[in-house]
Amino acid sequence: MDEWIVIRAGGRPMWSFRAERIFAEPTEHCAAPAWVVPQDILHWTGHVRFNDREPKYKLWYEVELTKLDRTFKGWYKASLLD
């Protein structure tokens, strides 16, 4: 339900608790096109994926980050976002 509300509203701004990578897929075992620092504002698209193969971070949010005039889109560990 929360995911549906966010998608209908056009996304939601989120902040990271620590510096971390945005991954191309919802797993730590793939390319990471961008880094996020706590001062960055991520735009959560509303999409969520559960990856039961990951040992620690199983829930992932799809996010967009605009930094240095470039937009990066990828997956972020849900438990590190507020």
PDB file of N, CA and C in Angstrom:
ATOM      1  N   MET A   1       0.820  -1.194   0.000  1.00  0.00           N
ATOM      2  CA  MET A   1       0.000   0.000   0.000  1.00  0.00           C
ATOM      3  C   MET A   1       0.865   1.259   0.000  1.00  0.00           C
ATOM      4  N   ASP A   2       1.906   1.304   0.864  1.00  0.00           N
ATOM      5  CA  ASP A   2       2.784   2.479   0.901  1.00  0.00           C
ATOM      6  C   ASP A   2       3.463   2.701  -0.442  1.00  0.00           C
ATOM      7  N   GLU A   3       3.885   1.604  -1.081  1.00  0.00           N
ATOM      8  CA  GLU A   3       4.534   1.718  -2.382  1.00  0.00           C
ATOM      9  C   GLU A   3       3.564   2.334  -3.395  1.00  0.00           C
ATOM     10  N   TRP A   4       2.310   1.911  -3.386  1.00  0.00           N
ATOM     11  CA  TRP A   4       1.317   2.439  -4.305  1.00  0.00           C
ATOM     12  C   TRP A   4       1.109   3.931  -4.080  1.00  0.00           C
ATOM     13  N   ILE A   5       1.027   4.355  -2.818  1.00  0.00           N
ATOM     14  CA  ILE A   5       0.834   5.778  -2.503  1.00  0.00           C
ATOM     15  C   ILE A   5       2.009   6.598  -3.009  1.00  0.00           C
ATOM     16  N   VAL A   6       3.232   6.116  -2.824  1.00  0.00           N
ATOM     17  CA  VAL A   6       4.419   6.842  -3.284  1.00  0.00           C
ATOM     18  C   VAL A   6       4.443   6.922  -4.799  1.00  0.00           C
ATOM     19  N   ILE A   7       4.115   5.832  -5.482  1.00  0.00           N
ATOM     20  CA  ILE A   7       4.085   5.849  -6.953  1.00  0.00           C
ATOM     21  C   ILE A   7       3.046   6.861  -7.436  1.00  0.00           C
ATOM     22  N   ARG A   8       1.862   6.865  -6.848  1.00  0.00           N
ATOM     23  CA  ARG A   8       0.801   7.798  -7.250  1.00  0.00           C
ATOM     24  C   ARG A   8       1.197   9.247  -6.972  1.00  0.00           C
ATOM     25  N   ALA A   9       1.951   9.472  -5.907  1.00  0.00           N
ATOM     26  CA  ALA A   9       2.367  10.830  -5.547  1.00  0.00           C
ATOM     27  C   ALA A   9       3.598  11.274  -6.328  1.00  0.00           C
ATOM     28  N   GLY A  10       4.208  10.398  -7.095  1.00  0.00           N
ATOM     29  CA  GLY A  10       5.360  10.767  -7.904  1.00  0.00           C
ATOM     30  C   GLY A  10       6.687  10.603  -7.196  1.00  0.00           C
ATOM     31  N   GLY A  11       6.744   9.788  -6.173  1.00  0.00           N
ATOM     32  CA  GLY A  11       8.006   9.549  -5.478  1.00  0.00           C
ATOM     33  C   GLY A  11       8.097  10.326  -4.186  1.00  0.00           C
ATOM     34  N   ARG A  12       9.199  10.102  -3.492  1.00  0.00           N
ATOM     35  CA  ARG A  12       9.380  10.759  -2.197  1.00  0.00           C
ATOM     36  C   ARG A  12      10.865  10.997  -1.973  1.00  0.00           C
ATOM     37  N   PRO A  13      11.251  12.172  -1.425  1.00  0.00           N
ATOM     38  CA  PRO A  13      12.668  12.403  -1.108  1.00  0.00           C
ATOM     39  C   PRO A  13      13.085  11.585   0.105  1.00  0.00           C
ATOM     40  N   MET A  14      14.310  11.054   0.055  1.00  0.00           N
ATOM     41  CA  MET A  14      14.854  10.240   1.140  1.00  0.00           C
ATOM     42  C   MET A  14      16.284  10.705   1.415  1.00  0.00           C
ATOM     43  N   TRP A  15      16.781  10.404   2.612  1.00  0.00           N
ATOM     44  CA  TRP A  15      18.150  10.720   2.989  1.00  0.00           C
ATOM     45  C   TRP A  15      18.819   9.465   3.505  1.00  0.00           C
ATOM     46  N   SER A  16      20.128   9.373   3.291  1.00  0.00           N
ATOM     47  CA  SER A  16      20.887   8.210   3.738  1.00  0.00           C
ATOM     48  C   SER A  16      21.519   8.476   5.095  1.00  0.00           C
ATOM     49  N   PHE A  17      21.613   7.444   5.913  1.00  0.00           N
ATOM     50  CA  PHE A  17      22.254   7.572   7.222  1.00  0.00           C
ATOM     51  C   PHE A  17      23.771   7.591   7.129  1.00  0.00           C
ATOM     52  N   ARG A  18      24.330   7.070   6.033  1.00  0.00           N
ATOM     53  CA  ARG A  18      25.790   7.004   5.881  1.00  0.00           C
ATOM     54  C   ARG A  18      26.149   7.027   4.403  1.00  0.00           C
ATOM     55  N   ALA A  19      27.419   7.207   4.123  1.00  0.00           N
ATOM     56  CA  ALA A  19      27.892   7.129   2.740  1.00  0.00           C
ATOM     57  C   ALA A  19      27.749   5.691   2.251  1.00  0.00           C
ATOM     58  N   GLU A  20      27.197   5.518   1.075  1.00  0.00           N
ATOM     59  CA  GLU A  20      26.962   4.183   0.536  1.00  0.00           C
ATOM     60  C   GLU A  20      26.765   4.264  -0.968  1.00  0.00           C
ATOM     61  N   ARG A  21      26.859   3.144  -1.621  1.00  0.00           N
ATOM     62  CA  ARG A  21      26.715   3.074  -3.076  1.00  0.00           C
ATOM     63  C   ARG A  21      25.265   2.850  -3.496  1.00  0.00           C
ATOM     64  N   ILE A  22      24.947   3.334  -4.694  1.00  0.00           N
ATOM     65  CA  ILE A  22      23.711   2.977  -5.378  1.00  0.00           C
ATOM     66  C   ILE A  22      24.095   1.859  -6.329  1.00  0.00           C
ATOM     67  N   PHE A  23      23.365   0.758  -6.281  1.00  0.00           N
ATOM     68  CA  PHE A  23      23.694  -0.411  -7.100  1.00  0.00           C
ATOM     69  C   PHE A  23      22.795  -0.499  -8.326  1.00  0.00           C
ATOM     70  N   ALA A  24      23.330  -1.082  -9.391  1.00  0.00           N
ATOM     71  CA  ALA A  24      22.576  -1.234 -10.635  1.00  0.00           C
ATOM     72  C   ALA A  24      21.413  -2.215 -10.483  1.00  0.00           C
ATOM     73  N   GLU A  25      21.548  -3.192  -9.612  1.00  0.00           N
ATOM     74  CA  GLU A  25      20.514  -4.191  -9.325  1.00  0.00           C
ATOM     75  C   GLU A  25      20.330  -4.260  -7.805  1.00  0.00           C
ATOM     76  N   PRO A  26      19.234  -4.828  -7.313  1.00  0.00           N
ATOM     77  CA  PRO A  26      19.024  -4.915  -5.867  1.00  0.00           C
ATOM     78  C   PRO A  26      19.883  -6.000  -5.212  1.00  0.00           C
ATOM     79  N   THR A  27      21.192  -5.829  -5.297  1.00  0.00           N
ATOM     80  CA  THR A  27      22.157  -6.735  -4.692  1.00  0.00           C
ATOM     81  C   THR A  27      23.489  -6.014  -4.542  1.00  0.00           C
ATOM     82  N   GLU A  28      24.282  -6.400  -3.567  1.00  0.00           N
ATOM     83  CA  GLU A  28      25.619  -5.815  -3.402  1.00  0.00           C
ATOM     84  C   GLU A  28      26.627  -6.419  -4.366  1.00  0.00           C
ATOM     85  N   HIS A  29      26.230  -7.427  -5.127  1.00  0.00           N
ATOM     86  CA  HIS A  29      27.145  -8.143  -6.016  1.00  0.00           C
ATOM     87  C   HIS A  29      26.961  -7.719  -7.467  1.00  0.00           C
ATOM     88  N   CYS A  30      26.971  -6.411  -7.710  1.00  0.00           N
ATOM     89  CA  CYS A  30      26.858  -5.886  -9.072  1.00  0.00           C
ATOM     90  C   CYS A  30      27.524  -4.513  -9.116  1.00  0.00           C
ATOM     91  N   ALA A  31      27.479  -3.886 -10.269  1.00  0.00           N
ATOM     92  CA  ALA A  31      28.096  -2.569 -10.452  1.00  0.00           C
ATOM     93  C   ALA A  31      27.386  -1.517  -9.600  1.00  0.00           C
ATOM     94  N   ALA A  32      28.167  -0.518  -9.191  1.00  0.00           N
ATOM     95  CA  ALA A  32      27.622   0.593  -8.405  1.00  0.00           C
ATOM     96  C   ALA A  32      27.935   1.898  -9.139  1.00  0.00           C
ATOM     97  N   PRO A  33      26.960   2.456  -9.862  1.00  0.00           N
ATOM     98  CA  PRO A  33      27.227   3.646 -10.669  1.00  0.00           C
ATOM     99  C   PRO A  33      27.409   4.945  -9.897  1.00  0.00           C
ATOM    100  N   ALA A  34      27.053   4.985  -8.602  1.00  0.00           N
ATOM    101  CA  ALA A  34      27.156   6.250  -7.866  1.00  0.00           C
ATOM    102  C   ALA A  34      27.305   6.006  -6.367  1.00  0.00           C
ATOM    103  N   TRP A  35      27.879   7.018  -5.709  1.00  0.00           N
ATOM    104  CA  TRP A  35      27.980   7.031  -4.247  1.00  0.00           C
ATOM    105  C   TRP A  35      27.034   8.089  -3.706  1.00  0.00           C
ATOM    106  N   VAL A  36      26.472   7.815  -2.537  1.00  0.00           N
ATOM    107  CA  VAL A  36      25.592   8.752  -1.848  1.00  0.00           C
ATOM    108  C   VAL A  36      26.233   9.117  -0.515  1.00  0.00           C
ATOM    109  N   VAL A  37      26.166  10.389  -0.162  1.00  0.00           N
ATOM    110  CA  VAL A  37      26.604  10.841   1.159  1.00  0.00           C
ATOM    111  C   VAL A  37      25.370  11.376   1.892  1.00  0.00           C
ATOM    112  N   PRO A  38      25.423  11.480   3.221  1.00  0.00           N
ATOM    113  CA  PRO A  38      24.226  11.905   3.962  1.00  0.00           C
ATOM    114  C   PRO A  38      23.646  13.261   3.551  1.00  0.00           C
ATOM    115  N   GLN A  39      24.423  14.128   2.932  1.00  0.00           N
ATOM    116  CA  GLN A  39      23.904  15.424   2.490  1.00  0.00           C
ATOM    117  C   GLN A  39      23.093  15.330   1.205  1.00  0.00           C
ATOM    118  N   ASP A  40      23.197  14.223   0.480  1.00  0.00           N
ATOM    119  CA  ASP A  40      22.462  14.045  -0.781  1.00  0.00           C
ATOM    120  C   ASP A  40      20.993  13.746  -0.519  1.00  0.00           C
ATOM    121  N   ILE A  41      20.150  14.187  -1.423  1.00  0.00           N
ATOM    122  CA  ILE A  41      18.728  13.863  -1.366  1.00  0.00           C
ATOM    123  C   ILE A  41      18.445  12.852  -2.474  1.00  0.00           C
ATOM    124  N   LEU A  42      17.969  11.691  -2.076  1.00  0.00           N
ATOM    125  CA  LEU A  42      17.593  10.646  -3.019  1.00  0.00           C
ATOM    126  C   LEU A  42      16.101  10.746  -3.291  1.00  0.00           C
ATOM    127  N   HIS A  43      15.715  10.439  -4.499  1.00  0.00           N
ATOM    128  CA  HIS A  43      14.295  10.425  -4.847  1.00  0.00           C
ATOM    129  C   HIS A  43      13.871   8.974  -4.983  1.00  0.00           C
ATOM    130  N   TRP A  44      13.081   8.499  -4.025  1.00  0.00           N
ATOM    131  CA  TRP A  44      12.585   7.124  -4.075  1.00  0.00           C
ATOM    132  C   TRP A  44      11.471   7.063  -5.102  1.00  0.00           C
ATOM    133  N   THR A  45      11.602   6.162  -6.073  1.00  0.00           N
ATOM    134  CA  THR A  45      10.608   6.053  -7.142  1.00  0.00           C
ATOM    135  C   THR A  45       9.328   5.375  -6.689  1.00  0.00           C
ATOM    136  N   GLY A  46       9.360   4.703  -5.555  1.00  0.00           N
ATOM    137  CA  GLY A  46       8.201   3.973  -5.065  1.00  0.00           C
ATOM    138  C   GLY A  46       8.314   2.477  -5.272  1.00  0.00           C
ATOM    139  N   HIS A  47       9.309   2.058  -6.063  1.00  0.00           N
ATOM    140  CA  HIS A  47       9.490   0.626  -6.309  1.00  0.00           C
ATOM    141  C   HIS A  47      10.359  -0.009  -5.230  1.00  0.00           C
ATOM    142  N   VAL A  48       9.968  -1.208  -4.830  1.00  0.00           N
ATOM    143  CA  VAL A  48      10.656  -1.949  -3.779  1.00  0.00           C
ATOM    144  C   VAL A  48      10.918  -3.359  -4.276  1.00  0.00           C
ATOM    145  N   ARG A  49      12.086  -3.895  -3.943  1.00  0.00           N
ATOM    146  CA  ARG A  49      12.395  -5.293  -4.271  1.00  0.00           C
ATOM    147  C   ARG A  49      12.909  -5.997  -3.026  1.00  0.00           C
ATOM    148  N   PHE A  50      12.527  -7.245  -2.884  1.00  0.00           N
ATOM    149  CA  PHE A  50      13.014  -8.086  -1.812  1.00  0.00           C
ATOM    150  C   PHE A  50      13.960  -9.110  -2.426  1.00  0.00           C
ATOM    151  N   ASN A  51      15.191  -9.189  -1.902  1.00  0.00           N
ATOM    152  CA  ASN A  51      16.187 -10.117  -2.416  1.00  0.00           C
ATOM    153  C   ASN A  51      16.594 -11.054  -1.283  1.00  0.00           C
ATOM    154  N   ASP A  52      16.023 -12.248  -1.262  1.00  0.00           N
ATOM    155  CA  ASP A  52      16.308 -13.181  -0.170  1.00  0.00           C
ATOM    156  C   ASP A  52      17.670 -13.855  -0.291  1.00  0.00           C
ATOM    157  N   ARG A  53      18.392 -13.597  -1.378  1.00  0.00           N
ATOM    158  CA  ARG A  53      19.744 -14.169  -1.536  1.00  0.00           C
ATOM    159  C   ARG A  53      20.819 -13.331  -0.844  1.00  0.00           C
ATOM    160  N   GLU A  54      20.488 -12.102  -0.497  1.00  0.00           N
ATOM    161  CA  GLU A  54      21.455 -11.238   0.181  1.00  0.00           C
ATOM    162  C   GLU A  54      21.543 -11.641   1.656  1.00  0.00           C
ATOM    163  N   PRO A  55      22.762 -11.756   2.193  1.00  0.00           N
ATOM    164  CA  PRO A  55      22.891 -12.186   3.593  1.00  0.00           C
ATOM    165  C   PRO A  55      22.403 -11.151   4.609  1.00  0.00           C
ATOM    166  N   LYS A  56      22.556  -9.848   4.325  1.00  0.00           N
ATOM    167  CA  LYS A  56      22.211  -8.830   5.320  1.00  0.00           C
ATOM    168  C   LYS A  56      21.082  -7.911   4.863  1.00  0.00           C
ATOM    169  N   TYR A  57      21.202  -7.330   3.693  1.00  0.00           N
ATOM    170  CA  TYR A  57      20.230  -6.344   3.212  1.00  0.00           C
ATOM    171  C   TYR A  57      19.289  -7.003   2.207  1.00  0.00           C
ATOM    172  N   LYS A  58      18.099  -7.323   2.633  1.00  0.00           N
ATOM    173  CA  LYS A  58      17.161  -8.041   1.782  1.00  0.00           C
ATOM    174  C   LYS A  58      16.153  -7.119   1.094  1.00  0.00           C
ATOM    175  N   LEU A  59      15.846  -5.963   1.677  1.00  0.00           N
ATOM    176  CA  LEU A  59      14.879  -5.030   1.117  1.00  0.00           C
ATOM    177  C   LEU A  59      15.612  -3.870   0.448  1.00  0.00           C
ATOM    178  N   TRP A  60      15.229  -3.567  -0.797  1.00  0.00           N
ATOM    179  CA  TRP A  60      15.897  -2.540  -1.599  1.00  0.00           C
ATOM    180  C   TRP A  60      14.871  -1.567  -2.163  1.00  0.00           C
ATOM    181  N   TYR A  61      15.237  -0.279  -2.205  1.00  0.00           N
ATOM    182  CA  TYR A  61      14.398   0.757  -2.810  1.00  0.00           C
ATOM    183  C   TYR A  61      15.054   1.227  -4.104  1.00  0.00           C
ATOM    184  N   GLU A  62      14.241   1.428  -5.129  1.00  0.00           N
ATOM    185  CA  GLU A  62      14.757   2.025  -6.363  1.00  0.00           C
ATOM    186  C   GLU A  62      14.788   3.544  -6.156  1.00  0.00           C
ATOM    187  N   VAL A  63      15.940   4.156  -6.421  1.00  0.00           N
ATOM    188  CA  VAL A  63      16.117   5.583  -6.177  1.00  0.00           C
ATOM    189  C   VAL A  63      16.754   6.258  -7.383  1.00  0.00           C
ATOM    190  N   GLU A  64      16.601   7.579  -7.412  1.00  0.00           N
ATOM    191  CA  GLU A  64      17.295   8.423  -8.383  1.00  0.00           C
ATOM    192  C   GLU A  64      18.083   9.464  -7.602  1.00  0.00           C
ATOM    193  N   LEU A  65      19.272   9.775  -8.098  1.00  0.00           N
ATOM    194  CA  LEU A  65      20.128  10.781  -7.481  1.00  0.00           C
ATOM    195  C   LEU A  65      20.647  11.694  -8.569  1.00  0.00           C
ATOM    196  N   THR A  66      20.454  12.992  -8.402  1.00  0.00           N
ATOM    197  CA  THR A  66      21.026  13.966  -9.333  1.00  0.00           C
ATOM    198  C   THR A  66      22.193  14.628  -8.634  1.00  0.00           C
ATOM    199  N   LYS A  67      23.365  14.483  -9.257  1.00  0.00           N
ATOM    200  CA  LYS A  67      24.599  14.980  -8.660  1.00  0.00           C
ATOM    201  C   LYS A  67      25.531  15.411  -9.791  1.00  0.00           C
ATOM    202  N   LEU A  68      26.085  16.616  -9.685  1.00  0.00           N
ATOM    203  CA  LEU A  68      27.005  17.138 -10.696  1.00  0.00           C
ATOM    204  C   LEU A  68      26.371  17.101 -12.089  1.00  0.00           C
ATOM    205  N   ASP A  69      25.112  17.523 -12.154  1.00  0.00           N
ATOM    206  CA  ASP A  69      24.346  17.596 -13.409  1.00  0.00           C
ATOM    207  C   ASP A  69      24.148  16.248 -14.097  1.00  0.00           C
ATOM    208  N   ARG A  70      24.250  15.163 -13.345  1.00  0.00           N
ATOM    209  CA  ARG A  70      23.963  13.822 -13.877  1.00  0.00           C
ATOM    210  C   ARG A  70      22.921  13.165 -12.992  1.00  0.00           C
ATOM    211  N   THR A  71      22.066  12.371 -13.603  1.00  0.00           N
ATOM    212  CA  THR A  71      21.061  11.627 -12.842  1.00  0.00           C
ATOM    213  C   THR A  71      21.419  10.153 -12.856  1.00  0.00           C
ATOM    214  N   PHE A  72      21.521   9.585 -11.673  1.00  0.00           N
ATOM    215  CA  PHE A  72      21.820   8.163 -11.506  1.00  0.00           C
ATOM    216  C   PHE A  72      20.567   7.474 -10.991  1.00  0.00           C
ATOM    217  N   LYS A  73      20.274   6.311 -11.547  1.00  0.00           N
ATOM    218  CA  LYS A  73      19.134   5.527 -11.095  1.00  0.00           C
ATOM    219  C   LYS A  73      19.630   4.144 -10.720  1.00  0.00           C
ATOM    220  N   GLY A  74      19.172   3.643  -9.587  1.00  0.00           N
ATOM    221  CA  GLY A  74      19.612   2.327  -9.150  1.00  0.00           C
ATOM    222  C   GLY A  74      18.902   1.911  -7.882  1.00  0.00           C
ATOM    223  N   TRP A  75      19.506   0.975  -7.157  1.00  0.00           N
ATOM    224  CA  TRP A  75      18.889   0.375  -5.977  1.00  0.00           C
ATOM    225  C   TRP A  75      19.702   0.675  -4.728  1.00  0.00           C
ATOM    226  N   TYR A  76      18.988   0.960  -3.634  1.00  0.00           N
ATOM    227  CA  TYR A  76      19.607   1.346  -2.387  1.00  0.00           C
ATOM    228  C   TYR A  76      19.067   0.480  -1.251  1.00  0.00           C
ATOM    229  N   LYS A  77      19.903   0.205  -0.288  1.00  0.00           N
ATOM    230  CA  LYS A  77      19.513  -0.610   0.863  1.00  0.00           C
ATOM    231  C   LYS A  77      18.461   0.130   1.693  1.00  0.00           C
ATOM    232  N   ALA A  78      17.280  -0.409   1.787  1.00  0.00           N
ATOM    233  CA  ALA A  78      16.166   0.281   2.412  1.00  0.00           C
ATOM    234  C   ALA A  78      16.421   0.653   3.865  1.00  0.00           C
ATOM    235  N   SER A  79      17.111  -0.180   4.612  1.00  0.00           N
ATOM    236  CA  SER A  79      17.306   0.087   6.035  1.00  0.00           C
ATOM    237  C   SER A  79      18.256   1.261   6.303  1.00  0.00           C
ATOM    238  N   LEU A  80      18.924   1.765   5.271  1.00  0.00           N
ATOM    239  CA  LEU A  80      19.835   2.901   5.449  1.00  0.00           C
ATOM    240  C   LEU A  80      19.178   4.228   5.085  1.00  0.00           C
ATOM    241  N   LEU A  81      17.890   4.198   4.734  1.00  0.00           N
ATOM    242  CA  LEU A  81      17.200   5.416   4.326  1.00  0.00           C
ATOM    243  C   LEU A  81      16.210   5.880   5.372  1.00  0.00           C
ATOM    244  N   ASP A  82      15.994   7.188   5.396  1.00  0.00           N
ATOM    245  CA  ASP A  82      15.001   7.788   6.282  1.00  0.00           C
ATOM    246  C   ASP A  82      14.060   8.629   5.442  1.00  0.00           C
TER     247      ASP A  82
END
